């Protein structure tokens, strides 16, 4: 039983590690989406405030080029994060499934142990009742019957 408990503990730790990695990825996605939104806001503001002087020296074109490069870089980062997110979701799902199965096995084993202890207690009680010198009785489900 101890090995199953240790396995379950290791699987829970692995699940927590996978969840932390996934949450860091989600945080990174949120930051990138926020950066893209700010960049979009800056582009809208720049369109409204572009002056003749800026156009005359080509600052508006440089600004638009910088916006384009920055948006492309952020979109590339977002695409990479979203691609990783798919594999992380699968890893978290698998880790959660392993924990669920190990918990079910552990609960089953614990129930079997409780049942064995109860049976032993009942056997000991029956042997005490019928005496130590008599043949040892084994109480099994087919021997114990309900009286009507």
N, C-alpha and C. Protein backbone atom coordinates (compact mmCIF):
# COMPACT_ATOMS: atom_id res chain seq x y z
N UNK A 1 0.82 -1.19 0.00
CA UNK A 1 0.00 0.00 0.00
C UNK A 1 0.87 1.26 0.00
N UNK A 2 1.95 1.22 0.72
CA UNK A 2 2.82 2.40 0.82
C UNK A 2 3.33 2.81 -0.57
N UNK A 3 3.64 1.83 -1.41
CA UNK A 3 4.12 2.15 -2.76
C UNK A 3 3.05 2.89 -3.56
N UNK A 4 1.82 2.46 -3.42
CA UNK A 4 0.73 3.11 -4.14
C UNK A 4 0.52 4.54 -3.63
N UNK A 5 0.66 4.74 -2.32
CA UNK A 5 0.56 6.09 -1.77
C UNK A 5 1.69 6.97 -2.29
N UNK A 6 2.89 6.43 -2.35
CA UNK A 6 4.03 7.19 -2.86
C UNK A 6 3.85 7.52 -4.33
N UNK A 7 3.36 6.56 -5.08
CA UNK A 7 3.09 6.80 -6.50
C UNK A 7 2.07 7.92 -6.66
N UNK A 8 1.01 7.87 -5.85
CA UNK A 8 -0.02 8.89 -5.92
C UNK A 8 0.57 10.26 -5.59
N UNK A 9 1.40 10.33 -4.55
CA UNK A 9 2.03 11.59 -4.19
C UNK A 9 2.89 12.13 -5.33
N UNK A 10 3.65 11.27 -5.96
CA UNK A 10 4.49 11.69 -7.09
C UNK A 10 3.64 12.19 -8.26
N UNK A 11 2.55 11.49 -8.52
CA UNK A 11 1.67 11.90 -9.62
C UNK A 11 1.00 13.24 -9.32
N UNK A 12 0.64 13.48 -8.07
CA UNK A 12 0.05 14.76 -7.70
C UNK A 12 1.09 15.87 -7.87
N UNK A 13 2.32 15.61 -7.47
CA UNK A 13 3.39 16.60 -7.65
C UNK A 13 3.59 16.89 -9.13
N UNK A 14 3.62 15.85 -9.94
CA UNK A 14 3.78 16.02 -11.40
C UNK A 14 2.63 16.85 -11.97
N UNK A 15 1.41 16.59 -11.49
CA UNK A 15 0.26 17.37 -11.95
C UNK A 15 0.43 18.83 -11.58
N UNK A 16 0.86 19.11 -10.36
CA UNK A 16 1.05 20.51 -9.93
C UNK A 16 2.13 21.20 -10.77
N UNK A 17 3.18 20.47 -11.10
CA UNK A 17 4.25 21.04 -11.94
C UNK A 17 3.69 21.38 -13.32
N UNK A 18 2.92 20.45 -13.89
CA UNK A 18 2.32 20.68 -15.21
C UNK A 18 1.35 21.86 -15.16
N UNK A 19 0.57 21.95 -14.09
CA UNK A 19 -0.38 23.06 -13.96
C UNK A 19 0.34 24.39 -13.84
N UNK A 20 1.45 24.43 -13.07
CA UNK A 20 2.22 25.66 -12.94
C UNK A 20 2.79 26.09 -14.28
N UNK A 21 3.32 25.15 -15.03
CA UNK A 21 3.88 25.47 -16.35
C UNK A 21 2.78 26.00 -17.27
N UNK A 22 1.63 25.38 -17.22
CA UNK A 22 0.49 25.82 -18.04
C UNK A 22 0.05 27.23 -17.62
N UNK A 23 -0.01 27.48 -16.32
CA UNK A 23 -0.42 28.80 -15.84
C UNK A 23 0.58 29.88 -16.23
N UNK A 24 1.87 29.54 -16.22
CA UNK A 24 2.88 30.51 -16.69
C UNK A 24 2.66 30.82 -18.16
N UNK A 25 2.32 29.81 -18.94
CA UNK A 25 2.06 30.01 -20.35
C UNK A 25 0.82 30.89 -20.56
N UNK A 26 -0.22 30.67 -19.77
CA UNK A 26 -1.42 31.49 -19.85
C UNK A 26 -1.09 32.94 -19.49
N UNK A 27 -0.26 33.12 -18.47
CA UNK A 27 0.15 34.47 -18.09
C UNK A 27 0.91 35.14 -19.23
N UNK A 28 1.78 34.39 -19.87
CA UNK A 28 2.54 34.93 -21.02
C UNK A 28 1.59 35.32 -22.15
N UNK A 29 0.60 34.47 -22.42
CA UNK A 29 -0.39 34.78 -23.45
C UNK A 29 -1.13 36.07 -23.10
N UNK A 30 -1.51 36.24 -21.84
CA UNK A 30 -2.22 37.44 -21.40
C UNK A 30 -1.37 38.69 -21.60
N UNK A 31 -0.09 38.59 -21.27
CA UNK A 31 0.81 39.72 -21.45
C UNK A 31 0.92 40.10 -22.93
N UNK A 32 1.09 39.11 -23.78
CA UNK A 32 1.23 39.38 -25.23
C UNK A 32 -0.05 39.99 -25.77
N UNK A 33 -1.19 39.44 -25.38
CA UNK A 33 -2.46 40.02 -25.85
C UNK A 33 -2.63 41.45 -25.36
N UNK A 34 -2.19 41.72 -24.13
CA UNK A 34 -2.24 43.10 -23.62
C UNK A 34 -1.32 44.02 -24.41
N UNK A 35 -0.12 43.53 -24.74
CA UNK A 35 0.81 44.32 -25.56
C UNK A 35 0.22 44.61 -26.94
N UNK A 36 -0.42 43.61 -27.53
CA UNK A 36 -1.05 43.83 -28.84
C UNK A 36 -2.18 44.86 -28.74
N UNK A 37 -2.93 44.81 -27.68
CA UNK A 37 -4.02 45.77 -27.49
C UNK A 37 -3.47 47.19 -27.32
N UNK A 38 -2.41 47.33 -26.52
CA UNK A 38 -1.78 48.65 -26.34
C UNK A 38 -1.22 49.17 -27.67
N UNK A 39 -0.61 48.28 -28.42
CA UNK A 39 -0.07 48.67 -29.72
C UNK A 39 -1.19 49.13 -30.65
N UNK A 40 -2.30 48.45 -30.62
CA UNK A 40 -3.45 48.83 -31.43
C UNK A 40 -3.99 50.20 -31.00
N UNK A 41 -4.05 50.42 -29.68
CA UNK A 41 -4.49 51.73 -29.17
C UNK A 41 -3.54 52.83 -29.62
N UNK A 42 -2.24 52.58 -29.57
CA UNK A 42 -1.26 53.57 -30.00
C UNK A 42 -1.41 53.87 -31.49
N UNK A 43 -1.70 52.84 -32.28
CA UNK A 43 -1.88 53.05 -33.72
C UNK A 43 -3.11 53.93 -33.98
N UNK A 44 -4.19 53.69 -33.24
CA UNK A 44 -5.40 54.52 -33.41
C UNK A 44 -5.12 55.97 -33.01
N UNK A 45 -4.41 56.14 -31.90
CA UNK A 45 -4.09 57.49 -31.45
C UNK A 45 -3.18 58.20 -32.46
N UNK A 46 -2.24 57.46 -33.00
CA UNK A 46 -1.31 58.06 -33.96
C UNK A 46 -2.04 58.49 -35.22
N UNK A 47 -3.03 57.75 -35.66
CA UNK A 47 -3.79 58.13 -36.85
C UNK A 47 -4.56 59.42 -36.60
N UNK A 48 -5.01 59.60 -35.38
CA UNK A 48 -5.79 60.80 -35.06
C UNK A 48 -4.91 62.02 -34.83
N UNK A 49 -3.67 61.82 -34.44
CA UNK A 49 -2.81 62.96 -34.08
C UNK A 49 -1.67 63.20 -35.06
N UNK A 50 -1.67 62.55 -36.19
CA UNK A 50 -0.59 62.76 -37.16
C UNK A 50 -0.66 64.20 -37.68
N UNK A 51 0.48 64.87 -37.62
CA UNK A 51 0.54 66.28 -38.05
C UNK A 51 1.24 66.40 -39.39
N UNK A 52 1.13 67.56 -39.96
CA UNK A 52 1.77 67.84 -41.23
C UNK A 52 3.29 67.76 -41.09
N UNK A 53 3.80 68.23 -39.95
CA UNK A 53 5.24 68.20 -39.73
C UNK A 53 5.75 66.76 -39.70
N UNK A 54 4.99 65.88 -39.05
CA UNK A 54 5.39 64.47 -38.98
C UNK A 54 5.42 63.87 -40.38
N UNK A 55 4.43 64.23 -41.17
CA UNK A 55 4.38 63.71 -42.54
C UNK A 55 5.52 64.27 -43.37
N UNK A 56 5.85 65.51 -43.13
CA UNK A 56 6.89 66.17 -43.91
C UNK A 56 8.26 65.51 -43.70
N UNK A 57 8.56 65.09 -42.51
CA UNK A 57 9.88 64.48 -42.26
C UNK A 57 9.83 62.95 -42.35
N UNK A 58 8.66 62.39 -42.62
CA UNK A 58 8.53 60.95 -42.78
C UNK A 58 8.39 60.19 -41.47
N UNK A 59 8.13 60.91 -40.39
CA UNK A 59 7.99 60.27 -39.08
C UNK A 59 6.77 59.36 -39.04
N UNK A 60 5.74 59.75 -39.75
CA UNK A 60 4.53 58.93 -39.74
C UNK A 60 4.78 57.58 -40.43
N UNK A 61 5.59 57.58 -41.46
CA UNK A 61 5.91 56.34 -42.16
C UNK A 61 6.81 55.46 -41.29
N UNK A 62 7.77 56.08 -40.63
CA UNK A 62 8.65 55.33 -39.72
C UNK A 62 7.82 54.73 -38.58
N UNK A 63 6.90 55.53 -38.07
CA UNK A 63 6.04 55.07 -36.97
C UNK A 63 5.19 53.88 -37.42
N UNK A 64 4.61 53.99 -38.59
CA UNK A 64 3.77 52.90 -39.11
C UNK A 64 4.61 51.64 -39.35
N UNK A 65 5.83 51.81 -39.82
CA UNK A 65 6.72 50.67 -40.04
C UNK A 65 7.06 50.01 -38.70
N UNK A 66 7.35 50.84 -37.70
CA UNK A 66 7.65 50.29 -36.37
C UNK A 66 6.43 49.56 -35.81
N UNK A 67 5.25 50.14 -35.96
CA UNK A 67 4.02 49.48 -35.50
C UNK A 67 3.84 48.13 -36.19
N UNK A 68 4.08 48.10 -37.49
CA UNK A 68 3.93 46.85 -38.25
C UNK A 68 4.91 45.78 -37.77
N UNK A 69 6.18 46.17 -37.60
CA UNK A 69 7.18 45.21 -37.12
C UNK A 69 6.85 44.73 -35.70
N UNK A 70 6.45 45.65 -34.85
CA UNK A 70 6.12 45.28 -33.47
C UNK A 70 4.90 44.35 -33.42
N UNK A 71 3.89 44.67 -34.22
CA UNK A 71 2.69 43.82 -34.24
C UNK A 71 3.03 42.44 -34.79
N UNK A 72 3.87 42.38 -35.83
CA UNK A 72 4.26 41.09 -36.40
C UNK A 72 5.03 40.26 -35.37
N UNK A 73 5.94 40.91 -34.64
CA UNK A 73 6.72 40.19 -33.63
C UNK A 73 5.82 39.67 -32.51
N UNK A 74 4.90 40.50 -32.07
CA UNK A 74 3.98 40.08 -31.01
C UNK A 74 3.05 38.96 -31.49
N UNK A 75 2.59 39.07 -32.71
CA UNK A 75 1.72 38.01 -33.25
C UNK A 75 2.48 36.69 -33.40
N UNK A 76 3.76 36.77 -33.75
CA UNK A 76 4.58 35.56 -33.83
C UNK A 76 4.75 34.94 -32.44
N UNK A 77 5.02 35.78 -31.46
CA UNK A 77 5.13 35.28 -30.08
C UNK A 77 3.82 34.65 -29.62
N UNK A 78 2.71 35.29 -29.94
CA UNK A 78 1.40 34.76 -29.56
C UNK A 78 1.14 33.42 -30.24
N UNK A 79 1.51 33.31 -31.49
CA UNK A 79 1.32 32.04 -32.21
C UNK A 79 2.14 30.93 -31.57
N UNK A 80 3.37 31.25 -31.17
CA UNK A 80 4.20 30.25 -30.50
C UNK A 80 3.60 29.82 -29.17
N UNK A 81 3.09 30.78 -28.41
CA UNK A 81 2.48 30.48 -27.12
C UNK A 81 1.23 29.62 -27.32
N UNK A 82 0.42 29.96 -28.30
CA UNK A 82 -0.80 29.19 -28.55
C UNK A 82 -0.48 27.76 -29.02
N UNK A 83 0.60 27.62 -29.78
CA UNK A 83 1.01 26.28 -30.20
C UNK A 83 1.46 25.46 -28.99
N UNK A 84 2.22 26.08 -28.10
CA UNK A 84 2.67 25.40 -26.89
C UNK A 84 1.48 25.08 -25.98
N UNK A 85 0.52 25.97 -25.97
CA UNK A 85 -0.64 25.81 -25.10
C UNK A 85 -1.37 24.51 -25.40
N UNK A 86 -1.48 24.16 -26.66
CA UNK A 86 -2.14 22.90 -27.03
C UNK A 86 -1.45 21.69 -26.43
N UNK A 87 -0.13 21.66 -26.49
CA UNK A 87 0.58 20.51 -25.92
C UNK A 87 0.53 20.53 -24.40
N UNK A 88 0.56 21.71 -23.80
CA UNK A 88 0.47 21.80 -22.34
C UNK A 88 -0.89 21.33 -21.85
N UNK A 89 -1.94 21.68 -22.57
CA UNK A 89 -3.28 21.22 -22.18
C UNK A 89 -3.31 19.70 -22.17
N UNK A 90 -2.73 19.09 -23.17
CA UNK A 90 -2.70 17.63 -23.24
C UNK A 90 -1.88 17.04 -22.09
N UNK A 91 -0.76 17.65 -21.77
CA UNK A 91 0.07 17.16 -20.66
C UNK A 91 -0.67 17.27 -19.33
N UNK A 92 -1.36 18.39 -19.11
CA UNK A 92 -2.12 18.56 -17.87
C UNK A 92 -3.26 17.55 -17.81
N UNK A 93 -3.92 17.34 -18.93
CA UNK A 93 -5.03 16.38 -18.99
C UNK A 93 -4.53 14.97 -18.66
N UNK A 94 -3.40 14.57 -19.23
CA UNK A 94 -2.84 13.25 -18.94
C UNK A 94 -2.43 13.12 -17.48
N UNK A 95 -1.79 14.15 -16.96
CA UNK A 95 -1.35 14.12 -15.56
C UNK A 95 -2.57 14.02 -14.63
N UNK A 96 -3.62 14.75 -14.96
CA UNK A 96 -4.84 14.69 -14.14
C UNK A 96 -5.46 13.29 -14.21
N UNK A 97 -5.47 12.70 -15.38
CA UNK A 97 -6.00 11.34 -15.53
C UNK A 97 -5.22 10.33 -14.71
N UNK A 98 -3.90 10.46 -14.71
CA UNK A 98 -3.06 9.54 -13.92
C UNK A 98 -3.34 9.69 -12.43
N UNK A 99 -3.51 10.94 -11.98
CA UNK A 99 -3.82 11.17 -10.57
C UNK A 99 -5.18 10.55 -10.23
N UNK A 100 -6.15 10.75 -11.10
CA UNK A 100 -7.49 10.20 -10.85
C UNK A 100 -7.45 8.68 -10.73
N UNK A 101 -6.73 8.05 -11.63
CA UNK A 101 -6.64 6.58 -11.60
C UNK A 101 -5.91 6.11 -10.35
N UNK A 102 -4.81 6.79 -10.00
CA UNK A 102 -4.07 6.36 -8.81
C UNK A 102 -4.91 6.56 -7.55
N UNK A 103 -5.72 7.61 -7.50
CA UNK A 103 -6.59 7.83 -6.35
C UNK A 103 -7.67 6.76 -6.27
N UNK A 104 -8.20 6.36 -7.42
CA UNK A 104 -9.19 5.27 -7.44
C UNK A 104 -8.57 3.97 -6.94
N UNK A 105 -7.36 3.66 -7.43
CA UNK A 105 -6.68 2.44 -6.99
C UNK A 105 -6.38 2.48 -5.50
N UNK A 106 -5.95 3.63 -5.03
CA UNK A 106 -5.64 3.79 -3.61
C UNK A 106 -6.90 3.61 -2.76
N UNK A 107 -8.01 4.21 -3.19
CA UNK A 107 -9.27 4.06 -2.46
C UNK A 107 -9.74 2.61 -2.47
N UNK A 108 -9.58 1.93 -3.60
CA UNK A 108 -9.97 0.52 -3.68
C UNK A 108 -9.12 -0.32 -2.73
N UNK A 109 -7.82 -0.07 -2.73
CA UNK A 109 -6.92 -0.84 -1.86
C UNK A 109 -7.25 -0.56 -0.38
N UNK A 110 -7.53 0.68 -0.05
CA UNK A 110 -7.88 1.02 1.33
C UNK A 110 -9.19 0.35 1.74
N UNK A 111 -10.17 0.31 0.84
CA UNK A 111 -11.44 -0.37 1.13
C UNK A 111 -11.21 -1.86 1.34
N UNK A 112 -10.35 -2.47 0.52
CA UNK A 112 -10.04 -3.89 0.68
C UNK A 112 -9.36 -4.15 2.03
N UNK A 113 -8.47 -3.27 2.42
CA UNK A 113 -7.79 -3.42 3.72
C UNK A 113 -8.79 -3.29 4.87
N UNK A 114 -9.70 -2.32 4.76
CA UNK A 114 -10.72 -2.18 5.81
C UNK A 114 -11.58 -3.43 5.89
N UNK A 115 -11.94 -3.96 4.73
CA UNK A 115 -12.77 -5.17 4.70
C UNK A 115 -12.01 -6.35 5.30
N UNK A 116 -10.72 -6.47 5.00
CA UNK A 116 -9.92 -7.56 5.56
C UNK A 116 -9.79 -7.41 7.08
N UNK A 117 -9.59 -6.17 7.56
CA UNK A 117 -9.51 -5.95 9.01
C UNK A 117 -10.83 -6.30 9.69
N UNK A 118 -11.94 -5.91 9.06
CA UNK A 118 -13.26 -6.23 9.63
C UNK A 118 -13.47 -7.73 9.68
N UNK A 119 -13.07 -8.43 8.62
CA UNK A 119 -13.22 -9.88 8.58
C UNK A 119 -12.36 -10.53 9.66
N UNK A 120 -11.13 -10.04 9.83
CA UNK A 120 -10.25 -10.58 10.86
C UNK A 120 -10.84 -10.34 12.25
N UNK A 121 -11.36 -9.16 12.47
CA UNK A 121 -11.99 -8.87 13.76
C UNK A 121 -13.16 -9.79 14.01
N UNK A 122 -13.97 -10.03 13.00
CA UNK A 122 -15.12 -10.93 13.13
C UNK A 122 -14.66 -12.36 13.39
N UNK A 123 -13.61 -12.78 12.68
CA UNK A 123 -13.04 -14.12 12.91
C UNK A 123 -12.53 -14.25 14.34
N UNK A 124 -11.80 -13.23 14.81
CA UNK A 124 -11.27 -13.26 16.17
C UNK A 124 -12.41 -13.31 17.20
N UNK A 125 -13.43 -12.54 16.96
CA UNK A 125 -14.57 -12.52 17.87
C UNK A 125 -15.27 -13.88 17.90
N UNK A 126 -15.46 -14.49 16.75
CA UNK A 126 -16.10 -15.80 16.67
C UNK A 126 -15.25 -16.85 17.38
N UNK A 127 -13.94 -16.79 17.21
CA UNK A 127 -13.06 -17.75 17.88
C UNK A 127 -13.07 -17.56 19.39
N UNK A 128 -13.15 -16.32 19.83
CA UNK A 128 -13.26 -16.07 21.27
C UNK A 128 -14.58 -16.63 21.81
N UNK A 129 -15.63 -16.43 21.06
CA UNK A 129 -16.96 -16.88 21.49
C UNK A 129 -17.04 -18.41 21.56
N UNK A 130 -16.49 -19.08 20.57
CA UNK A 130 -16.57 -20.54 20.52
C UNK A 130 -15.42 -21.22 21.25
N UNK A 131 -14.50 -20.45 21.75
CA UNK A 131 -13.42 -21.00 22.55
C UNK A 131 -12.15 -21.18 21.76
N UNK A 132 -11.06 -21.08 22.48
CA UNK A 132 -9.74 -21.19 21.85
C UNK A 132 -9.40 -22.62 21.50
N UNK A 133 -9.98 -23.62 22.21
CA UNK A 133 -9.65 -25.02 21.97
C UNK A 133 -10.41 -25.61 20.79
N UNK A 134 -11.50 -24.96 20.43
CA UNK A 134 -12.27 -25.50 19.31
C UNK A 134 -11.59 -25.17 17.99
N UNK A 135 -12.02 -25.85 16.97
CA UNK A 135 -11.45 -25.63 15.65
C UNK A 135 -11.70 -24.18 15.23
N UNK A 136 -10.70 -23.53 14.69
CA UNK A 136 -10.80 -22.11 14.31
C UNK A 136 -11.87 -21.96 13.24
N UNK A 137 -12.78 -21.03 13.47
CA UNK A 137 -13.84 -20.75 12.51
C UNK A 137 -13.39 -19.65 11.56
N UNK A 138 -13.72 -19.81 10.33
CA UNK A 138 -13.46 -18.77 9.35
C UNK A 138 -14.81 -18.22 8.91
N UNK A 139 -15.06 -16.96 9.17
CA UNK A 139 -16.32 -16.34 8.80
C UNK A 139 -16.18 -15.83 7.37
N UNK A 140 -17.02 -16.34 6.52
CA UNK A 140 -17.03 -15.90 5.13
C UNK A 140 -18.43 -15.43 4.80
N UNK A 141 -18.58 -14.65 3.76
CA UNK A 141 -19.91 -14.13 3.42
C UNK A 141 -20.94 -15.23 3.19
N UNK A 142 -20.54 -16.40 2.70
CA UNK A 142 -21.51 -17.47 2.45
C UNK A 142 -21.90 -18.17 3.75
N UNK A 143 -21.13 -18.04 4.82
CA UNK A 143 -21.46 -18.67 6.10
C UNK A 143 -22.41 -17.78 6.89
N UNK A 144 -22.20 -16.47 6.84
CA UNK A 144 -23.04 -15.55 7.57
C UNK A 144 -24.32 -15.32 6.77
N UNK A 145 -25.44 -15.72 7.39
CA UNK A 145 -26.72 -15.57 6.72
C UNK A 145 -27.65 -14.77 7.61
N UNK A 146 -28.52 -14.06 7.00
CA UNK A 146 -29.49 -13.27 7.72
C UNK A 146 -30.61 -14.17 8.21
N UNK A 147 -30.97 -14.04 9.46
CA UNK A 147 -32.07 -14.86 9.96
C UNK A 147 -33.37 -14.10 9.76
N UNK A 148 -34.39 -14.81 9.29
CA UNK A 148 -35.69 -14.17 9.01
C UNK A 148 -36.67 -14.48 10.09
